[in-house]
């Protein structure tokens, strides 16, 4: 399993690199702290995985990183995504390292 830190994600996004971030938190979590990234709740990944661009490198983000590991495993083993990463620290890491203006209720 591969991991990427929030700062590296931000740098790649600013360069418009071949990277897509998927936020897998539940609807209520996303509404409390909207990242603006593609939102597909963890429980919907198996029916909505075709919305994820396979040709891009995918970073999976959750609250702290644990749920993201399960989704990365699913995407790699069941759906054969070649380039999937877990965002270290999830939204908490993003807030700490990249965007402290985001607030979680």
PDB file of N, CA and C in Angstrom:
ATOM      1  N   UNK A   1       0.842  -1.174   0.000  1.00  0.00           N
ATOM      2  CA  UNK A   1       0.000   0.000   0.000  1.00  0.00           C
ATOM      3  C   UNK A   1       0.886   1.236   0.000  1.00  0.00           C
ATOM      4  N   UNK A   2       0.482   2.196  -0.812  1.00  0.00           N
ATOM      5  CA  UNK A   2       1.265   3.424  -0.927  1.00  0.00           C
ATOM      6  C   UNK A   2       0.558   4.577  -0.220  1.00  0.00           C
ATOM      7  N   UNK A   3       1.372   5.452   0.340  1.00  0.00           N
ATOM      8  CA  UNK A   3       0.877   6.606   1.095  1.00  0.00           C
ATOM      9  C   UNK A   3       1.468   7.878   0.500  1.00  0.00           C
ATOM     10  N   UNK A   4       0.732   8.975   0.662  1.00  0.00           N
ATOM     11  CA  UNK A   4       1.226  10.284   0.234  1.00  0.00           C
ATOM     12  C   UNK A   4       0.804  11.293   1.299  1.00  0.00           C
ATOM     13  N   UNK A   5       1.699  12.213   1.608  1.00  0.00           N
ATOM     14  CA  UNK A   5       1.379  13.208   2.633  1.00  0.00           C
ATOM     15  C   UNK A   5       0.588  14.363   2.019  1.00  0.00           C
ATOM     16  N   UNK A   6      -0.205  15.057   2.832  1.00  0.00           N
ATOM     17  CA  UNK A   6      -1.046  16.140   2.332  1.00  0.00           C
ATOM     18  C   UNK A   6      -0.266  17.239   1.596  1.00  0.00           C
ATOM     19  N   UNK A   7       0.900  17.588   2.097  1.00  0.00           N
ATOM     20  CA  UNK A   7       1.694  18.650   1.462  1.00  0.00           C
ATOM     21  C   UNK A   7       2.071  18.261   0.027  1.00  0.00           C
ATOM     22  N   UNK A   8       2.480  17.014  -0.176  1.00  0.00           N
ATOM     23  CA  UNK A   8       2.813  16.539  -1.522  1.00  0.00           C
ATOM     24  C   UNK A   8       1.589  16.552  -2.429  1.00  0.00           C
ATOM     25  N   UNK A   9       0.432  16.197  -1.881  1.00  0.00           N
ATOM     26  CA  UNK A   9      -0.809  16.256  -2.664  1.00  0.00           C
ATOM     27  C   UNK A   9      -1.069  17.678  -3.132  1.00  0.00           C
ATOM     28  N   UNK A  10      -0.956  18.618  -2.211  1.00  0.00           N
ATOM     29  CA  UNK A  10      -1.204  20.014  -2.559  1.00  0.00           C
ATOM     30  C   UNK A  10      -0.242  20.484  -3.652  1.00  0.00           C
ATOM     31  N   UNK A  11       1.037  20.155  -3.516  1.00  0.00           N
ATOM     32  CA  UNK A  11       2.021  20.559  -4.514  1.00  0.00           C
ATOM     33  C   UNK A  11       1.667  20.000  -5.886  1.00  0.00           C
ATOM     34  N   UNK A  12       1.261  18.747  -5.923  1.00  0.00           N
ATOM     35  CA  UNK A  12       0.894  18.131  -7.198  1.00  0.00           C
ATOM     36  C   UNK A  12      -0.376  18.741  -7.768  1.00  0.00           C
ATOM     37  N   UNK A  13      -1.344  19.060  -6.923  1.00  0.00           N
ATOM     38  CA  UNK A  13      -2.564  19.704  -7.398  1.00  0.00           C
ATOM     39  C   UNK A  13      -2.261  21.082  -7.980  1.00  0.00           C
ATOM     40  N   UNK A  14      -1.384  21.830  -7.324  1.00  0.00           N
ATOM     41  CA  UNK A  14      -1.023  23.160  -7.819  1.00  0.00           C
ATOM     42  C   UNK A  14      -0.322  23.094  -9.166  1.00  0.00           C
ATOM     43  N   UNK A  15       0.417  22.014  -9.401  1.00  0.00           N
ATOM     44  CA  UNK A  15       1.090  21.807 -10.693  1.00  0.00           C
ATOM     45  C   UNK A  15       0.145  21.238 -11.739  1.00  0.00           C
ATOM     46  N   UNK A  16      -1.098  21.001 -11.343  1.00  0.00           N
ATOM     47  CA  UNK A  16      -2.088  20.346 -12.186  1.00  0.00           C
ATOM     48  C   UNK A  16      -1.564  19.006 -12.680  1.00  0.00           C
ATOM     49  N   UNK A  17      -0.946  18.293 -11.765  1.00  0.00           N
ATOM     50  CA  UNK A  17      -0.408  16.970 -12.047  1.00  0.00           C
ATOM     51  C   UNK A  17      -1.561  15.988 -12.261  1.00  0.00           C
ATOM     52  N   UNK A  18      -1.242  14.811 -12.692  1.00  0.00           N
ATOM     53  CA  UNK A  18      -2.213  13.764 -13.017  1.00  0.00           C
ATOM     54  C   UNK A  18      -2.737  13.110 -11.735  1.00  0.00           C
ATOM     55  N   UNK A  19      -3.440  13.893 -10.908  1.00  0.00           N
ATOM     56  CA  UNK A  19      -3.829  13.450  -9.578  1.00  0.00           C
ATOM     57  C   UNK A  19      -5.280  13.827  -9.298  1.00  0.00           C
ATOM     58  N   UNK A  20      -6.019  12.889  -8.723  1.00  0.00           N
ATOM     59  CA  UNK A  20      -7.390  13.133  -8.307  1.00  0.00           C
ATOM     60  C   UNK A  20      -7.537  12.681  -6.860  1.00  0.00           C
ATOM     61  N   UNK A  21      -8.183  13.523  -6.045  1.00  0.00           N
ATOM     62  CA  UNK A  21      -8.425  13.172  -4.647  1.00  0.00           C
ATOM     63  C   UNK A  21      -9.898  12.823  -4.482  1.00  0.00           C
ATOM     64  N   UNK A  22     -10.141  11.663  -3.872  1.00  0.00           N
ATOM     65  CA  UNK A  22     -11.494  11.209  -3.585  1.00  0.00           C
ATOM     66  C   UNK A  22     -11.686  11.231  -2.071  1.00  0.00           C
ATOM     67  N   UNK A  23     -12.681  11.966  -1.622  1.00  0.00           N
ATOM     68  CA  UNK A  23     -13.021  12.061  -0.201  1.00  0.00           C
ATOM     69  C   UNK A  23     -14.095  11.015   0.073  1.00  0.00           C
ATOM     70  N   UNK A  24     -13.778  10.011   0.900  1.00  0.00           N
ATOM     71  CA  UNK A  24     -14.709   8.907   1.136  1.00  0.00           C
ATOM     72  C   UNK A  24     -15.466   9.032   2.458  1.00  0.00           C
ATOM     73  N   UNK A  25     -15.361  10.187   3.098  1.00  0.00           N
ATOM     74  CA  UNK A  25     -16.083  10.362   4.359  1.00  0.00           C
ATOM     75  C   UNK A  25     -17.592  10.326   4.108  1.00  0.00           C
ATOM     76  N   UNK A  26     -18.345  10.070   5.153  1.00  0.00           N
ATOM     77  CA  UNK A  26     -19.803  10.032   5.052  1.00  0.00           C
ATOM     78  C   UNK A  26     -20.344  11.415   4.708  1.00  0.00           C
ATOM     79  N   UNK A  27     -21.589  11.455   4.221  1.00  0.00           N
ATOM     80  CA  UNK A  27     -22.204  12.723   3.821  1.00  0.00           C
ATOM     81  C   UNK A  27     -22.150  13.760   4.935  1.00  0.00           C
ATOM     82  N   UNK A  28     -22.513  13.376   6.158  1.00  0.00           N
ATOM     83  CA  UNK A  28     -22.537  14.345   7.256  1.00  0.00           C
ATOM     84  C   UNK A  28     -21.127  14.868   7.560  1.00  0.00           C
ATOM     85  N   UNK A  29     -20.105  14.021   7.418  1.00  0.00           N
ATOM     86  CA  UNK A  29     -18.728  14.464   7.656  1.00  0.00           C
ATOM     87  C   UNK A  29     -18.297  15.457   6.576  1.00  0.00           C
ATOM     88  N   UNK A  30     -18.668  15.160   5.348  1.00  0.00           N
ATOM     89  CA  UNK A  30     -18.314  16.024   4.223  1.00  0.00           C
ATOM     90  C   UNK A  30     -19.031  17.371   4.352  1.00  0.00           C
ATOM     91  N   UNK A  31     -20.286  17.354   4.783  1.00  0.00           N
ATOM     92  CA  UNK A  31     -21.037  18.596   4.954  1.00  0.00           C
ATOM     93  C   UNK A  31     -20.460  19.449   6.077  1.00  0.00           C
ATOM     94  N   UNK A  32     -19.937  18.809   7.110  1.00  0.00           N
ATOM     95  CA  UNK A  32     -19.338  19.547   8.223  1.00  0.00           C
ATOM     96  C   UNK A  32     -18.027  20.204   7.807  1.00  0.00           C
ATOM     97  N   UNK A  33     -17.311  19.578   6.897  1.00  0.00           N
ATOM     98  CA  UNK A  33     -16.007  20.086   6.465  1.00  0.00           C
ATOM     99  C   UNK A  33     -15.816  19.708   5.003  1.00  0.00           C
ATOM    100  N   UNK A  34     -16.271  20.579   4.110  1.00  0.00           N
ATOM    101  CA  UNK A  34     -16.262  20.319   2.678  1.00  0.00           C
ATOM    102  C   UNK A  34     -14.900  20.668   2.088  1.00  0.00           C
ATOM    103  N   UNK A  35     -14.217  19.670   1.559  1.00  0.00           N
ATOM    104  CA  UNK A  35     -12.897  19.876   0.975  1.00  0.00           C
ATOM    105  C   UNK A  35     -12.952  20.354  -0.466  1.00  0.00           C
ATOM    106  N   UNK A  36     -14.077  20.131  -1.132  1.00  0.00           N
ATOM    107  CA  UNK A  36     -14.179  20.463  -2.546  1.00  0.00           C
ATOM    108  C   UNK A  36     -13.662  19.352  -3.447  1.00  0.00           C
ATOM    109  N   UNK A  37     -13.122  18.309  -2.874  1.00  0.00           N
ATOM    110  CA  UNK A  37     -12.660  17.172  -3.666  1.00  0.00           C
ATOM    111  C   UNK A  37     -13.862  16.312  -4.056  1.00  0.00           C
ATOM    112  N   UNK A  38     -13.658  15.400  -4.981  1.00  0.00           N
ATOM    113  CA  UNK A  38     -14.716  14.480  -5.377  1.00  0.00           C
ATOM    114  C   UNK A  38     -15.158  13.707  -4.136  1.00  0.00           C
ATOM    115  N   UNK A  39     -16.457  13.635  -3.939  1.00  0.00           N
ATOM    116  CA  UNK A  39     -16.992  12.963  -2.746  1.00  0.00           C
ATOM    117  C   UNK A  39     -17.747  11.704  -3.159  1.00  0.00           C
ATOM    118  N   UNK A  40     -17.216  10.562  -2.733  1.00  0.00           N
ATOM    119  CA  UNK A  40     -17.896   9.280  -2.883  1.00  0.00           C
ATOM    120  C   UNK A  40     -17.781   8.580  -1.534  1.00  0.00           C
ATOM    121  N   UNK A  41     -18.862   8.522  -0.756  1.00  0.00           N
ATOM    122  CA  UNK A  41     -18.777   7.871   0.549  1.00  0.00           C
ATOM    123  C   UNK A  41     -18.267   6.430   0.435  1.00  0.00           C
ATOM    124  N   UNK A  42     -17.563   5.992   1.454  1.00  0.00           N
ATOM    125  CA  UNK A  42     -16.957   4.664   1.450  1.00  0.00           C
ATOM    126  C   UNK A  42     -17.950   3.568   1.057  1.00  0.00           C
ATOM    127  N   UNK A  43     -19.142   3.621   1.596  1.00  0.00           N
ATOM    128  CA  UNK A  43     -20.143   2.593   1.322  1.00  0.00           C
ATOM    129  C   UNK A  43     -20.646   2.573  -0.106  1.00  0.00           C
ATOM    130  N   UNK A  44     -20.327   3.605  -0.883  1.00  0.00           N
ATOM    131  CA  UNK A  44     -20.784   3.678  -2.275  1.00  0.00           C
ATOM    132  C   UNK A  44     -19.677   3.374  -3.288  1.00  0.00           C
ATOM    133  N   UNK A  45     -18.469   3.150  -2.815  1.00  0.00           N
ATOM    134  CA  UNK A  45     -17.342   2.925  -3.724  1.00  0.00           C
ATOM    135  C   UNK A  45     -17.604   1.759  -4.662  1.00  0.00           C
ATOM    136  N   UNK A  46     -18.143   0.656  -4.156  1.00  0.00           N
ATOM    137  CA  UNK A  46     -18.324  -0.525  -4.998  1.00  0.00           C
ATOM    138  C   UNK A  46     -19.331  -0.291  -6.125  1.00  0.00           C
ATOM    139  N   UNK A  47     -20.293   0.601  -5.944  1.00  0.00           N
ATOM    140  CA  UNK A  47     -21.251   0.869  -7.012  1.00  0.00           C
ATOM    141  C   UNK A  47     -20.907   2.114  -7.828  1.00  0.00           C
ATOM    142  N   UNK A  48     -19.960   2.923  -7.348  1.00  0.00           N
ATOM    143  CA  UNK A  48     -19.610   4.159  -8.054  1.00  0.00           C
ATOM    144  C   UNK A  48     -18.147   4.206  -8.493  1.00  0.00           C
ATOM    145  N   UNK A  49     -17.430   3.088  -8.401  1.00  0.00           N
ATOM    146  CA  UNK A  49     -16.008   3.088  -8.759  1.00  0.00           C
ATOM    147  C   UNK A  49     -15.765   3.502 -10.206  1.00  0.00           C
ATOM    148  N   UNK A  50     -16.776   3.342 -11.057  1.00  0.00           N
ATOM    149  CA  UNK A  50     -16.613   3.735 -12.463  1.00  0.00           C
ATOM    150  C   UNK A  50     -16.558   5.252 -12.633  1.00  0.00           C
ATOM    151  N   UNK A  51     -16.868   6.016 -11.594  1.00  0.00           N
ATOM    152  CA  UNK A  51     -16.748   7.479 -11.633  1.00  0.00           C
ATOM    153  C   UNK A  51     -15.313   7.934 -11.365  1.00  0.00           C
ATOM    154  N   UNK A  52     -14.473   7.015 -10.934  1.00  0.00           N
ATOM    155  CA  UNK A  52     -13.086   7.345 -10.599  1.00  0.00           C
ATOM    156  C   UNK A  52     -12.225   7.121 -11.838  1.00  0.00           C
ATOM    157  N   UNK A  53     -11.503   8.132 -12.293  1.00  0.00           N
ATOM    158  CA  UNK A  53     -10.700   7.995 -13.516  1.00  0.00           C
ATOM    159  C   UNK A  53      -9.491   7.072 -13.323  1.00  0.00           C
ATOM    160  N   UNK A  54      -9.534   5.923 -13.949  1.00  0.00           N
ATOM    161  CA  UNK A  54      -8.483   4.923 -13.789  1.00  0.00           C
ATOM    162  C   UNK A  54      -7.140   5.399 -14.349  1.00  0.00           C
ATOM    163  N   UNK A  55      -7.170   6.306 -15.311  1.00  0.00           N
ATOM    164  CA  UNK A  55      -5.925   6.772 -15.936  1.00  0.00           C
ATOM    165  C   UNK A  55      -5.162   7.779 -15.073  1.00  0.00           C
ATOM    166  N   UNK A  56      -5.773   8.226 -14.001  1.00  0.00           N
ATOM    167  CA  UNK A  56      -5.107   9.173 -13.107  1.00  0.00           C
ATOM    168  C   UNK A  56      -4.568   8.468 -11.867  1.00  0.00           C
ATOM    169  N   UNK A  57      -3.694   9.153 -11.157  1.00  0.00           N
ATOM    170  CA  UNK A  57      -3.277   8.682  -9.852  1.00  0.00           C
ATOM    171  C   UNK A  57      -4.347   9.146  -8.874  1.00  0.00           C
ATOM    172  N   UNK A  58      -4.789   8.232  -8.038  1.00  0.00           N
ATOM    173  CA  UNK A  58      -5.907   8.493  -7.142  1.00  0.00           C
ATOM    174  C   UNK A  58      -5.414   8.525  -5.702  1.00  0.00           C
ATOM    175  N   UNK A  59      -5.833   9.559  -4.981  1.00  0.00           N
ATOM    176  CA  UNK A  59      -5.547   9.654  -3.552  1.00  0.00           C
ATOM    177  C   UNK A  59      -6.881   9.539  -2.829  1.00  0.00           C
ATOM    178  N   UNK A  60      -6.942   8.599  -1.896  1.00  0.00           N
ATOM    179  CA  UNK A  60      -8.161   8.389  -1.111  1.00  0.00           C
ATOM    180  C   UNK A  60      -7.994   9.059   0.247  1.00  0.00           C
ATOM    181  N   UNK A  61      -8.985   9.905   0.579  1.00  0.00           N
ATOM    182  CA  UNK A  61      -8.951  10.667   1.829  1.00  0.00           C
ATOM    183  C   UNK A  61     -10.172  10.320   2.669  1.00  0.00           C
ATOM    184  N   UNK A  62      -9.952  10.110   3.971  1.00  0.00           N
ATOM    185  CA  UNK A  62     -11.057   9.935   4.912  1.00  0.00           C
ATOM    186  C   UNK A  62     -10.791  10.855   6.103  1.00  0.00           C
ATOM    187  N   UNK A  63     -11.265  10.485   7.267  1.00  0.00           N
ATOM    188  CA  UNK A  63     -11.072  11.328   8.446  1.00  0.00           C
ATOM    189  C   UNK A  63      -9.620  11.306   8.921  1.00  0.00           C
ATOM    190  N   UNK A  64      -9.107  10.105   9.140  1.00  0.00           N
ATOM    191  CA  UNK A  64      -7.743  10.002   9.673  1.00  0.00           C
ATOM    192  C   UNK A  64      -6.831   9.097   8.848  1.00  0.00           C
ATOM    193  N   UNK A  65      -7.385   8.319   7.941  1.00  0.00           N
ATOM    194  CA  UNK A  65      -6.579   7.452   7.081  1.00  0.00           C
ATOM    195  C   UNK A  65      -6.934   5.983   7.136  1.00  0.00           C
ATOM    196  N   UNK A  66      -7.608   5.538   8.162  1.00  0.00           N
ATOM    197  CA  UNK A  66      -7.897   4.101   8.317  1.00  0.00           C
ATOM    198  C   UNK A  66      -8.904   3.583   7.288  1.00  0.00           C
ATOM    199  N   UNK A  67      -9.990   4.286   7.092  1.00  0.00           N
ATOM    200  CA  UNK A  67     -10.980   3.846   6.088  1.00  0.00           C
ATOM    201  C   UNK A  67     -10.386   3.895   4.692  1.00  0.00           C
ATOM    202  N   UNK A  68      -9.522   4.869   4.472  1.00  0.00           N
ATOM    203  CA  UNK A  68      -8.889   4.999   3.156  1.00  0.00           C
ATOM    204  C   UNK A  68      -8.074   3.757   2.809  1.00  0.00           C
ATOM    205  N   UNK A  69      -7.430   3.165   3.789  1.00  0.00           N
ATOM    206  CA  UNK A  69      -6.652   1.947   3.535  1.00  0.00           C
ATOM    207  C   UNK A  69      -7.539   0.836   2.997  1.00  0.00           C
ATOM    208  N   UNK A  70      -8.728   0.674   3.566  1.00  0.00           N
ATOM    209  CA  UNK A  70      -9.650  -0.357   3.096  1.00  0.00           C
ATOM    210  C   UNK A  70     -10.107  -0.079   1.669  1.00  0.00           C
ATOM    211  N   UNK A  71     -10.379   1.176   1.350  1.00  0.00           N
ATOM    212  CA  UNK A  71     -10.825   1.534   0.005  1.00  0.00           C
ATOM    213  C   UNK A  71      -9.699   1.358  -1.006  1.00  0.00           C
ATOM    214  N   UNK A  72      -8.491   1.748  -0.649  1.00  0.00           N
ATOM    215  CA  UNK A  72      -7.346   1.543  -1.551  1.00  0.00           C
ATOM    216  C   UNK A  72      -7.189   0.053  -1.846  1.00  0.00           C
ATOM    217  N   UNK A  73      -7.282  -0.764  -0.833  1.00  0.00           N
ATOM    218  CA  UNK A  73      -7.175  -2.205  -1.018  1.00  0.00           C
ATOM    219  C   UNK A  73      -8.256  -2.710  -1.982  1.00  0.00           C
ATOM    220  N   UNK A  74      -9.487  -2.253  -1.813  1.00  0.00           N
ATOM    221  CA  UNK A  74     -10.585  -2.640  -2.693  1.00  0.00           C
ATOM    222  C   UNK A  74     -10.327  -2.198  -4.129  1.00  0.00           C
ATOM    223  N   UNK A  75      -9.931  -0.943  -4.309  1.00  0.00           N
ATOM    224  CA  UNK A  75      -9.698  -0.432  -5.661  1.00  0.00           C
ATOM    225  C   UNK A  75      -8.569  -1.180  -6.362  1.00  0.00           C
ATOM    226  N   UNK A  76      -7.543  -1.520  -5.619  1.00  0.00           N
ATOM    227  CA  UNK A  76      -6.407  -2.239  -6.217  1.00  0.00           C
ATOM    228  C   UNK A  76      -6.745  -3.692  -6.526  1.00  0.00           C
ATOM    229  N   UNK A  77      -7.359  -4.383  -5.590  1.00  0.00           N
ATOM    230  CA  UNK A  77      -7.561  -5.827  -5.770  1.00  0.00           C
ATOM    231  C   UNK A  77      -8.810  -6.178  -6.564  1.00  0.00           C
ATOM    232  N   UNK A  78      -9.902  -5.493  -6.333  1.00  0.00           N
ATOM    233  CA  UNK A  78     -11.156  -5.832  -7.020  1.00  0.00           C
ATOM    234  C   UNK A  78     -11.323  -5.123  -8.364  1.00  0.00           C
ATOM    235  N   UNK A  79     -10.864  -3.881  -8.447  1.00  0.00           N
ATOM    236  CA  UNK A  79     -11.117  -3.086  -9.646  1.00  0.00           C
ATOM    237  C   UNK A  79      -9.849  -2.754 -10.426  1.00  0.00           C
ATOM    238  N   UNK A  80      -8.720  -3.210  -9.943  1.00  0.00           N
ATOM    239  CA  UNK A  80      -7.428  -3.148 -10.639  1.00  0.00           C
ATOM    240  C   UNK A  80      -6.969  -1.731 -10.992  1.00  0.00           C
ATOM    241  N   UNK A  81      -7.201  -0.807 -10.082  1.00  0.00           N
ATOM    242  CA  UNK A  81      -6.661   0.538 -10.255  1.00  0.00           C
ATOM    243  C   UNK A  81      -5.153   0.462 -10.045  1.00  0.00           C
ATOM    244  N   UNK A  82      -4.363   1.005 -10.978  1.00  0.00           N
ATOM    245  CA  UNK A  82      -2.911   0.847 -10.893  1.00  0.00           C
ATOM    246  C   UNK A  82      -2.194   1.809  -9.956  1.00  0.00           C
ATOM    247  N   UNK A  83      -2.755   2.995  -9.725  1.00  0.00           N
ATOM    248  CA  UNK A  83      -2.040   4.026  -8.963  1.00  0.00           C
ATOM    249  C   UNK A  83      -2.966   4.645  -7.920  1.00  0.00           C
ATOM    250  N   UNK A  84      -3.023   4.018  -6.744  1.00  0.00           N
ATOM    251  CA  UNK A  84      -3.907   4.496  -5.687  1.00  0.00           C
ATOM    252  C   UNK A  84      -3.090   4.695  -4.416  1.00  0.00           C
ATOM    253  N   UNK A  85      -3.350   5.809  -3.742  1.00  0.00           N
ATOM    254  CA  UNK A  85      -2.610   6.176  -2.537  1.00  0.00           C
ATOM    255  C   UNK A  85      -3.573   6.490  -1.397  1.00  0.00           C
ATOM    256  N   UNK A  86      -3.106   6.302  -0.184  1.00  0.00           N
ATOM    257  CA  UNK A  86      -3.805   6.746   1.018  1.00  0.00           C
ATOM    258  C   UNK A  86      -3.220   8.099   1.406  1.00  0.00           C
ATOM    259  N   UNK A  87      -4.099   9.077   1.657  1.00  0.00           N
ATOM    260  CA  UNK A  87      -3.595  10.339   2.173  1.00  0.00           C
ATOM    261  C   UNK A  87      -3.298  10.170   3.660  1.00  0.00           C
ATOM    262  N   UNK A  88      -2.039  10.349   4.008  1.00  0.00           N
ATOM    263  CA  UNK A  88      -1.625  10.224   5.408  1.00  0.00           C
ATOM    264  C   UNK A  88      -2.361  11.249   6.262  1.00  0.00           C
ATOM    265  N   UNK A  89      -2.988  10.775   7.318  1.00  0.00           N
ATOM    266  CA  UNK A  89      -3.666  11.678   8.249  1.00  0.00           C
ATOM    267  C   UNK A  89      -5.037  12.118   7.815  1.00  0.00           C
ATOM    268  N   UNK A  90      -5.468  11.777   6.597  1.00  0.00           N
ATOM    269  CA  UNK A  90      -6.792  12.133   6.107  1.00  0.00           C
ATOM    270  C   UNK A  90      -7.062  13.627   6.162  1.00  0.00           C
ATOM    271  N   UNK A  91      -8.324  13.972   6.403  1.00  0.00           N
ATOM    272  CA  UNK A  91      -8.701  15.385   6.475  1.00  0.00           C
ATOM    273  C   UNK A  91      -7.988  16.077   7.624  1.00  0.00           C
ATOM    274  N   UNK A  92      -7.742  15.339   8.702  1.00  0.00           N
ATOM    275  CA  UNK A  92      -7.011  15.937   9.821  1.00  0.00           C
ATOM    276  C   UNK A  92      -5.615  16.368   9.392  1.00  0.00           C
ATOM    277  N   UNK A  93      -4.935  15.532   8.625  1.00  0.00           N
ATOM    278  CA  UNK A  93      -3.610  15.878   8.106  1.00  0.00           C
ATOM    279  C   UNK A  93      -3.672  17.039   7.132  1.00  0.00           C
ATOM    280  N   UNK A  94      -4.714  17.057   6.292  1.00  0.00           N
ATOM    281  CA  UNK A  94      -4.880  18.146   5.323  1.00  0.00           C
ATOM    282  C   UNK A  94      -5.024  19.473   6.067  1.00  0.00           C
ATOM    283  N   UNK A  95      -5.854  19.485   7.110  1.00  0.00           N
ATOM    284  CA  UNK A  95      -6.063  20.708   7.884  1.00  0.00           C
ATOM    285  C   UNK A  95      -4.759  21.143   8.560  1.00  0.00           C
ATOM    286  N   UNK A  96      -4.056  20.204   9.164  1.00  0.00           N
ATOM    287  CA  UNK A  96      -2.812  20.530   9.875  1.00  0.00           C
ATOM    288  C   UNK A  96      -1.708  21.010   8.940  1.00  0.00           C
ATOM    289  N   UNK A  97      -1.558  20.359   7.780  1.00  0.00           N
ATOM    290  CA  UNK A  97      -0.415  20.638   6.908  1.00  0.00           C
ATOM    291  C   UNK A  97      -0.702  21.603   5.765  1.00  0.00           C
ATOM    292  N   UNK A  98      -1.973  21.706   5.361  1.00  0.00           N
ATOM    293  CA  UNK A  98      -2.266  22.460   4.133  1.00  0.00           C
ATOM    294  C   UNK A  98      -3.258  23.607   4.350  1.00  0.00           C
ATOM    295  N   UNK A  99      -4.397  23.327   4.953  1.00  0.00           N
ATOM    296  CA  UNK A  99      -5.464  24.325   5.002  1.00  0.00           C
ATOM    297  C   UNK A  99      -6.096  24.414   6.392  1.00  0.00           C
ATOM    298  N   UNK A 100      -5.453  25.148   7.296  1.00  0.00           N
ATOM    299  CA  UNK A 100      -6.005  25.270   8.647  1.00  0.00           C
ATOM    300  C   UNK A 100      -7.305  26.078   8.698  1.00  0.00           C
ATOM    301  N   UNK A 101      -7.698  26.691   7.571  1.00  0.00           N
ATOM    302  CA  UNK A 101      -8.960  27.437   7.565  1.00  0.00           C
ATOM    303  C   UNK A 101     -10.176  26.505   7.558  1.00  0.00           C
ATOM    304  N   UNK A 102      -9.987  25.258   7.152  1.00  0.00           N
ATOM    305  CA  UNK A 102     -11.080  24.291   7.198  1.00  0.00           C
ATOM    306  C   UNK A 102     -11.397  23.978   8.638  1.00  0.00           C
ATOM    307  N   UNK A 103     -12.657  23.917   8.942  1.00  0.00           N
ATOM    308  CA  UNK A 103     -13.101  23.633  10.317  1.00  0.00           C
ATOM    309  C   UNK A 103     -13.965  22.389  10.303  1.00  0.00           C
ATOM    310  N   UNK A 104     -13.783  21.574  11.336  1.00  0.00           N
ATOM    311  CA  UNK A 104     -14.648  20.413  11.532  1.00  0.00           C
ATOM    312  C   UNK A 104     -15.546  20.689  12.718  1.00  0.00           C
ATOM    313  N   UNK A 105     -16.850  20.510  12.519  1.00  0.00           N
ATOM    314  CA  UNK A 105     -17.800  20.749  13.620  1.00  0.00           C
ATOM    315  C   UNK A 105     -17.795  19.585  14.580  1.00  0.00           C
TER     316      UNK A 105
END
